[in-house]
C-alpha atoms as a PDB file:
ATOM      1  CA  MET A   1       0.000   0.000   0.000  1.00  0.00           C
ATOM      2  CA  SER A   2       1.386   3.361  -0.925  1.00  0.00           C
ATOM      3  CA  ASN A   3       0.868   7.026  -0.508  1.00  0.00           C
ATOM      4  CA  PRO A   4       0.441   9.166   2.589  1.00  0.00           C
ATOM      5  CA  TYR A   5       4.203   9.703   2.557  1.00  0.00           C
ATOM      6  CA  PRO A   6       5.023  12.902   0.650  1.00  0.00           C
ATOM      7  CA  ARG A   7       7.596  11.141  -1.578  1.00  0.00           C
ATOM      8  CA  THR A   8       7.267   8.087  -3.773  1.00  0.00           C
ATOM      9  CA  ASP A   9      10.872   6.872  -3.361  1.00  0.00           C
ATOM     10  CA  PHE A  10       9.808   3.664  -1.662  1.00  0.00           C
ATOM     11  CA  GLU A  11      13.352   2.339  -1.264  1.00  0.00           C
ATOM     12  CA  GLN A  12      14.227   5.271   1.013  1.00  0.00           C
ATOM     13  CA  VAL A  13      11.135   5.036   3.208  1.00  0.00           C
ATOM     14  CA  ALA A  14      10.580   1.258   3.320  1.00  0.00           C
ATOM     15  CA  ALA A  15      12.187   0.703   6.735  1.00  0.00           C
ATOM     16  CA  THR A  16       9.976   3.307   8.440  1.00  0.00           C
ATOM     17  CA  TRP A  17       6.869   2.965   6.266  1.00  0.00           C
ATOM     18  CA  ASP A  18       4.723   1.274   8.899  1.00  0.00           C
ATOM     19  CA  ASN A  19       5.594   3.951  11.486  1.00  0.00           C
ATOM     20  CA  ASN A  20       3.440   6.511   9.699  1.00  0.00           C
ATOM     21  CA  PRO A  21       0.065   6.712  11.512  1.00  0.00           C
ATOM     22  CA  LEU A  22      -1.629   7.731   8.263  1.00  0.00           C
ATOM     23  CA  ILE A  23      -0.481   4.481   6.672  1.00  0.00           C
ATOM     24  CA  GLN A  24      -1.929   2.515   9.582  1.00  0.00           C
ATOM     25  CA  GLU A  25      -5.172   4.498   9.460  1.00  0.00           C
ATOM     26  CA  LEU A  26      -5.582   3.848   5.763  1.00  0.00           C
ATOM     27  CA  ALA A  27      -4.781   0.147   6.144  1.00  0.00           C
ATOM     28  CA  ARG A  28      -7.548  -0.203   8.735  1.00  0.00           C
ATOM     29  CA  ALA A  29     -10.007   1.649   6.502  1.00  0.00           C
ATOM     30  CA  VAL A  30      -9.164  -0.559   3.531  1.00  0.00           C
ATOM     31  CA  ARG A  31      -9.689  -3.725   5.584  1.00  0.00           C
ATOM     32  CA  LEU A  32     -13.115  -2.501   6.677  1.00  0.00           C
ATOM     33  CA  ALA A  33     -14.060  -1.595   3.115  1.00  0.00           C
ATOM     34  CA  LEU A  34     -12.925  -4.977   1.823  1.00  0.00           C
ATOM     35  CA  ALA A  35     -15.049  -6.774   4.415  1.00  0.00           C
ATOM     36  CA  GLY A  36     -18.100  -4.975   3.039  1.00  0.00           C
ATOM     37  CA  HIS A  37     -17.372  -5.971  -0.557  1.00  0.00           C
ATOM     38  CA  CYS A  38     -15.755  -9.405  -0.452  1.00  0.00           C
ATOM     39  CA  ALA A  39     -14.992 -10.766   2.984  1.00  0.00           C
ATOM     40  CA  PRO A  40     -11.904 -13.025   2.952  1.00  0.00           C
ATOM     41  CA  ARG A  41     -12.777 -16.675   3.575  1.00  0.00           C
ATOM     42  CA  PRO A  42     -10.881 -19.891   4.291  1.00  0.00           C
ATOM     43  CA  GLY A  43      -9.922 -21.624   1.067  1.00  0.00           C
ATOM     44  CA  MET A  44      -9.465 -18.417  -0.923  1.00  0.00           C
ATOM     45  CA  ARG A  45      -6.413 -17.761  -3.075  1.00  0.00           C
ATOM     46  CA  VAL A  46      -5.676 -14.025  -2.955  1.00  0.00           C
ATOM     47  CA  LEU A  47      -3.350 -11.611  -4.758  1.00  0.00           C
ATOM     48  CA  ASP A  48      -2.344  -8.321  -3.134  1.00  0.00           C
ATOM     49  CA  TYR A  49      -0.962  -6.274  -6.023  1.00  0.00           C
ATOM     50  CA  GLY A  50       1.174  -3.324  -4.957  1.00  0.00           C
ATOM     51  CA  CYS A  51       1.437  -4.939  -1.539  1.00  0.00           C
ATOM     52  CA  GLY A  52       4.189  -2.690  -0.160  1.00  0.00           C
ATOM     53  CA  THR A  53       5.236  -3.758   3.333  1.00  0.00           C
ATOM     54  CA  GLY A  54       2.272  -6.112   3.502  1.00  0.00           C
ATOM     55  CA  LEU A  55      -0.160  -4.513   5.921  1.00  0.00           C
ATOM     56  CA  ALA A  56      -3.005  -6.004   3.890  1.00  0.00           C
ATOM     57  CA  ALA A  57      -1.235  -9.185   2.787  1.00  0.00           C
ATOM     58  CA  LEU A  58      -0.316 -10.205   6.329  1.00  0.00           C
ATOM     59  CA  ALA A  59      -3.879  -9.747   7.557  1.00  0.00           C
ATOM     60  CA  LEU A  60      -5.248 -11.652   4.576  1.00  0.00           C
ATOM     61  CA  ALA A  61      -2.822 -14.538   5.096  1.00  0.00           C
ATOM     62  CA  ALA A  62      -4.353 -15.159   8.514  1.00  0.00           C
ATOM     63  CA  GLU A  63      -7.810 -15.575   6.967  1.00  0.00           C
ATOM     64  CA  VAL A  64      -7.384 -17.358   3.629  1.00  0.00           C
ATOM     65  CA  ALA A  65      -5.597 -20.382   2.186  1.00  0.00           C
ATOM     66  CA  GLU A  66      -2.917 -18.600   0.177  1.00  0.00           C
ATOM     67  CA  VAL A  67      -1.763 -15.032  -0.505  1.00  0.00           C
ATOM     68  CA  GLU A  68       0.558 -13.745  -3.210  1.00  0.00           C
ATOM     69  CA  GLY A  69       2.133 -10.360  -2.438  1.00  0.00           C
ATOM     70  CA  TRP A  70       3.466  -8.594  -5.540  1.00  0.00           C
ATOM     71  CA  ASP A  71       5.249  -5.255  -5.644  1.00  0.00           C
ATOM     72  CA  SER A  72       7.929  -3.585  -7.757  1.00  0.00           C
ATOM     73  CA  SER A  73       9.924  -2.235  -4.775  1.00  0.00           C
ATOM     74  CA  PRO A  74      12.667  -4.525  -3.398  1.00  0.00           C
ATOM     75  CA  GLY A  75      12.913  -2.453  -0.223  1.00  0.00           C
ATOM     76  CA  MET A  76       9.224  -2.741   0.578  1.00  0.00           C
ATOM     77  CA  LEU A  77       9.263  -6.466  -0.141  1.00  0.00           C
ATOM     78  CA  ALA A  78      12.270  -6.958   2.139  1.00  0.00           C
ATOM     79  CA  GLU A  79      10.255  -5.449   4.985  1.00  0.00           C
ATOM     80  CA  LEU A  80       7.358  -7.765   4.195  1.00  0.00           C
ATOM     81  CA  GLU A  81       9.621 -10.813   4.052  1.00  0.00           C
ATOM     82  CA  ALA A  82      11.020 -10.022   7.500  1.00  0.00           C
ATOM     83  CA  LYS A  83       7.492  -9.767   8.881  1.00  0.00           C
ATOM     84  CA  ARG A  84       6.439 -12.961   7.112  1.00  0.00           C
ATOM     85  CA  LEU A  85       9.320 -14.888   8.665  1.00  0.00           C
ATOM     86  CA  ALA A  86       8.609 -13.449  12.117  1.00  0.00           C
ATOM     87  CA  ALA A  87       4.957 -14.485  11.835  1.00  0.00           C
ATOM     88  CA  GLY A  88       5.791 -17.927  10.436  1.00  0.00           C
ATOM     89  CA  LEU A  89       3.384 -17.526   7.526  1.00  0.00           C
ATOM     90  CA  ASP A  90       4.079 -20.280   5.010  1.00  0.00           C
ATOM     91  CA  ASN A  91       1.004 -19.392   2.943  1.00  0.00           C
ATOM     92  CA  LEU A  92       2.264 -15.911   1.981  1.00  0.00           C
ATOM     93  CA  HIS A  93       4.375 -15.858  -1.183  1.00  0.00           C
ATOM     94  CA  ILE A  94       6.272 -12.670  -2.063  1.00  0.00           C
ATOM     95  CA  ARG A  95       7.395 -11.706  -5.559  1.00  0.00           C
ATOM     96  CA  GLN A  96       8.961  -8.642  -7.154  1.00  0.00           C
ATOM     97  CA  VAL A  97       6.591  -8.002 -10.057  1.00  0.00           C
ATOM     98  CA  ASP A  98       5.580  -4.992 -12.147  1.00  0.00           C
ATOM     99  CA  LEU A  99       2.629  -5.926 -14.344  1.00  0.00           C
ATOM    100  CA  VAL A 100       3.069  -2.752 -16.386  1.00  0.00           C
ATOM    101  CA  ASP A 101       5.798  -4.456 -18.390  1.00  0.00           C
ATOM    102  CA  GLU A 102       6.215  -7.974 -16.987  1.00  0.00           C
ATOM    103  CA  PRO A 103       4.173 -11.165 -17.379  1.00  0.00           C
ATOM    104  CA  ALA A 104       2.122 -12.324 -14.423  1.00  0.00           C
ATOM    105  CA  PRO A 105       3.909 -15.164 -12.611  1.00  0.00           C
ATOM    106  CA  ALA A 106       0.647 -16.712 -11.405  1.00  0.00           C
ATOM    107  CA  SER A 107      -3.111 -16.573 -11.936  1.00  0.00           C
ATOM    108  CA  GLY A 108      -6.312 -18.226 -10.778  1.00  0.00           C
ATOM    109  CA  PHE A 109      -7.144 -15.919  -7.876  1.00  0.00           C
ATOM    110  CA  ASP A 110     -10.440 -15.798  -5.987  1.00  0.00           C
ATOM    111  CA  LEU A 111      -9.727 -12.230  -4.869  1.00  0.00           C
ATOM    112  CA  ILE A 112      -7.350  -9.572  -6.143  1.00  0.00           C
ATOM    113  CA  HIS A 113      -6.764  -6.658  -3.781  1.00  0.00           C
ATOM    114  CA  SER A 114      -4.922  -3.506  -4.861  1.00  0.00           C
ATOM    115  CA  ALA A 115      -4.864  -0.386  -2.703  1.00  0.00           C
ATOM    116  CA  MET A 116      -3.293   2.948  -3.653  1.00  0.00           C
ATOM    117  CA  ALA A 117      -1.341   1.481  -6.556  1.00  0.00           C
ATOM    118  CA  LEU A 118      -3.332   2.531  -9.620  1.00  0.00           C
ATOM    119  CA  HIS A 119      -2.206   6.159  -9.564  1.00  0.00           C
ATOM    120  CA  HIS A 120       1.334   4.908 -10.226  1.00  0.00           C
ATOM    121  CA  VAL A 121       0.210   3.038 -13.378  1.00  0.00           C
ATOM    122  CA  PRO A 122       0.309   4.858 -16.753  1.00  0.00           C
ATOM    123  CA  ASP A 123      -2.507   2.897 -18.443  1.00  0.00           C
ATOM    124  CA  VAL A 124      -5.040   2.094 -15.753  1.00  0.00           C
ATOM    125  CA  GLY A 125      -7.554   0.510 -18.113  1.00  0.00           C
ATOM    126  CA  ALA A 126      -4.937  -1.936 -19.348  1.00  0.00           C
ATOM    127  CA  MET A 127      -3.897  -2.764 -15.785  1.00  0.00           C
ATOM    128  CA  ILE A 128      -7.481  -3.408 -14.701  1.00  0.00           C
ATOM    129  CA  ALA A 129      -7.917  -5.724 -17.680  1.00  0.00           C
ATOM    130  CA  ARG A 130      -4.714  -7.581 -16.772  1.00  0.00           C
ATOM    131  CA  LEU A 131      -5.804  -8.028 -13.175  1.00  0.00           C
ATOM    132  CA  ALA A 132      -9.275  -9.141 -14.249  1.00  0.00           C
ATOM    133  CA  GLY A 133      -7.688 -11.815 -16.408  1.00  0.00           C
ATOM    134  CA  LEU A 134      -5.946 -13.298 -13.369  1.00  0.00           C
ATOM    135  CA  LEU A 135      -9.241 -14.005 -11.589  1.00  0.00           C
ATOM    136  CA  VAL A 136     -11.076 -17.308 -11.587  1.00  0.00           C
ATOM    137  CA  PRO A 137     -14.700 -17.157 -12.788  1.00  0.00           C
ATOM    138  CA  GLY A 138     -16.637 -15.693  -9.883  1.00  0.00           C
ATOM    139  CA  GLY A 139     -13.509 -14.049  -8.479  1.00  0.00           C
ATOM    140  CA  THR A 140     -13.550 -10.458  -7.222  1.00  0.00           C
ATOM    141  CA  LEU A 141     -11.309  -7.514  -8.082  1.00  0.00           C
ATOM    142  CA  PHE A 142     -11.137  -4.968  -5.243  1.00  0.00           C
ATOM    143  CA  LEU A 143      -9.476  -1.588  -5.813  1.00  0.00           C
ATOM    144  CA  VAL A 144      -8.850   1.426  -3.580  1.00  0.00           C
ATOM    145  CA  ASP A 145      -7.389   4.738  -4.695  1.00  0.00           C
ATOM    146  CA  LEU A 146      -7.801   8.494  -4.565  1.00  0.00           C
ATOM    147  CA  ASP A 147     -10.774  10.324  -5.933  1.00  0.00           C
ATOM    148  CA  CYS A 148      -9.844  13.168  -8.281  1.00  0.00           C
ATOM    149  CA  GLU A 149      -7.660  15.711  -6.462  1.00  0.00           C
ATOM    150  CA  ASP A 150      -5.705  18.806  -7.455  1.00  0.00           C
ATOM    151  CA  GLY A 151      -2.250  17.268  -7.282  1.00  0.00           C
ATOM    152  CA  SER A 152      -1.550  18.428  -3.740  1.00  0.00           C
ATOM    153  CA  PHE A 153      -1.654  14.948  -2.192  1.00  0.00           C
ATOM    154  CA  HIS A 154       1.951  14.276  -3.195  1.00  0.00           C
ATOM    155  CA  ALA A 155       4.757  16.727  -2.545  1.00  0.00           C
ATOM    156  CA  ASP A 156       6.868  14.930  -5.138  1.00  0.00           C
ATOM    157  CA  HIS A 157       5.087  13.803  -8.299  1.00  0.00           C
ATOM    158  CA  GLU A 158       7.828  11.472  -9.515  1.00  0.00           C
ATOM    159  CA  GLY A 159       6.184   8.148 -10.269  1.00  0.00           C
ATOM    160  CA  VAL A 160       2.685   9.608  -9.912  1.00  0.00           C
ATOM    161  CA  CYS A 161       0.753   9.162 -13.148  1.00  0.00           C
ATOM    162  CA  HIS A 162      -2.710  10.322 -12.008  1.00  0.00           C
ATOM    163  CA  HIS A 163      -4.054  12.798  -9.467  1.00  0.00           C
ATOM    164  CA  GLY A 164      -6.862  10.497  -8.446  1.00  0.00           C
ATOM    165  CA  PHE A 165      -9.675   9.111 -10.555  1.00  0.00           C
ATOM    166  CA  ASP A 166     -13.235   9.796 -11.617  1.00  0.00           C
ATOM    167  CA  ARG A 167     -15.465   7.062 -10.187  1.00  0.00           C
ATOM    168  CA  GLU A 168     -17.598   6.773 -13.307  1.00  0.00           C
ATOM    169  CA  ARG A 169     -14.484   6.243 -15.400  1.00  0.00           C
ATOM    170  CA  ILE A 170     -13.277   3.517 -13.029  1.00  0.00           C
ATOM    171  CA  ALA A 171     -16.649   1.781 -13.379  1.00  0.00           C
ATOM    172  CA  GLU A 172     -16.391   2.021 -17.167  1.00  0.00           C
ATOM    173  CA  MET A 173     -12.938   0.438 -17.115  1.00  0.00           C
ATOM    174  CA  LEU A 174     -14.241  -2.425 -14.990  1.00  0.00           C
ATOM    175  CA  VAL A 175     -17.014  -3.009 -17.529  1.00  0.00           C
ATOM    176  CA  ASP A 176     -14.513  -2.830 -20.387  1.00  0.00           C
ATOM    177  CA  ALA A 177     -12.479  -5.532 -18.624  1.00  0.00           C
ATOM    178  CA  GLY A 178     -15.493  -7.838 -18.801  1.00  0.00           C
ATOM    179  CA  LEU A 179     -16.364  -7.639 -15.119  1.00  0.00           C
ATOM    180  CA  GLU A 180     -19.840  -7.605 -13.580  1.00  0.00           C
ATOM    181  CA  ARG A 181     -21.673  -6.612 -10.359  1.00  0.00           C
ATOM    182  CA  ILE A 182     -19.731  -3.378 -10.092  1.00  0.00           C
ATOM    183  CA  ARG A 183     -19.794  -1.321  -6.895  1.00  0.00           C
ATOM    184  CA  VAL A 184     -17.962   1.961  -6.385  1.00  0.00           C
ATOM    185  CA  GLU A 185     -18.286   3.883  -3.131  1.00  0.00           C
ATOM    186  CA  THR A 186     -16.333   5.880  -0.567  1.00  0.00           C
ATOM    187  CA  ALA A 187     -13.689   3.885   1.290  1.00  0.00           C
ATOM    188  CA  HIS A 188     -12.178   6.607   3.477  1.00  0.00           C
ATOM    189  CA  ARG A 189     -11.482  10.294   3.925  1.00  0.00           C
ATOM    190  CA  LEU A 190      -7.885  10.871   4.925  1.00  0.00           C
ATOM    191  CA  VAL A 191      -6.890  14.128   6.635  1.00  0.00           C
ATOM    192  CA  LYS A 192      -3.255  15.057   6.034  1.00  0.00           C
ATOM    193  CA  PRO A 193      -1.106  18.073   5.170  1.00  0.00           C
ATOM    194  CA  ASP A 194      -0.953  18.805   1.458  1.00  0.00           C
ATOM    195  CA  ALA A 195       2.261  19.560  -0.421  1.00  0.00           C
ATOM    196  CA  ALA A 196       2.220  23.103   1.000  1.00  0.00           C
ATOM    197  CA  GLY A 197       1.689  21.916   4.579  1.00  0.00           C
ATOM    198  CA  VAL A 198      -1.994  22.891   4.736  1.00  0.00           C
ATOM    199  CA  GLU A 199      -4.242  20.274   6.321  1.00  0.00           C
ATOM    200  CA  ARG A 200      -6.626  18.842   3.726  1.00  0.00           C
ATOM    201  CA  THR A 201      -9.150  16.045   3.438  1.00  0.00           C
ATOM    202  CA  TYR A 202      -8.662  13.591   0.593  1.00  0.00           C
ATOM    203  CA  SER A 203     -11.457  11.235  -0.422  1.00  0.00           C
ATOM    204  CA  MET A 204     -10.717   7.688  -1.512  1.00  0.00           C
ATOM    205  CA  PHE A 205     -12.980   5.265  -3.331  1.00  0.00           C
ATOM    206  CA  CYS A 206     -13.221   1.508  -3.257  1.00  0.00           C
ATOM    207  CA  ALA A 207     -14.445  -0.435  -6.262  1.00  0.00           C
ATOM    208  CA  SER A 208     -15.281  -4.104  -6.592  1.00  0.00           C
ATOM    209  CA  ALA A 209     -16.334  -6.201  -9.561  1.00  0.00           C
ATOM    210  CA  VAL A 210     -16.733  -9.896 -10.309  1.00  0.00           C
ATOM    211  CA  ARG A 211     -15.477 -11.970 -13.208  1.00  0.00           C
ATOM    212  CA  GLY A 212     -18.404 -13.752 -14.847  1.00  0.00           C
END
């Protein structure tokens, strides 16, 4: 999971990522939102794409049969691996993957979870289609990201491809990916200083859809 840090250089912030209370707040909000859309169940095979240090992946691994945690940042994945070993979780598999330009190393997921990753992806429609293709029939894609904002969420825009998203456009992309039973609603409102240091409220959506 990425974002309330002002910079997107994940290698530099990986070791202290989980110390940010905004990160913890957002992780809790995402878990609650997920429970309302597709509650994790025993027997599920789950992908957390853009897993970061694994705040979602670790929680999911305690509830389902198997979790794959994929991220492009070696530093973030190293933090997750240390936590995985400490927790003794043999059902959590960690891979360095960037689906923007790499093939998927696995498929057949009952649930794909991706929080605060889409705004780092140049072609979001293509990414949604790729993720949808990794689901089993009846599997659920669950996404969380920023609603449209003015660019003030990040102090440094390196690696940021979108300043949030229009909810109707997200729904259209889910339809274009061949998914059904689409729900898009508010996941959280995060209060944090903007790039200028002024406290602002940023709205985030969650979207879920099912592969037919």
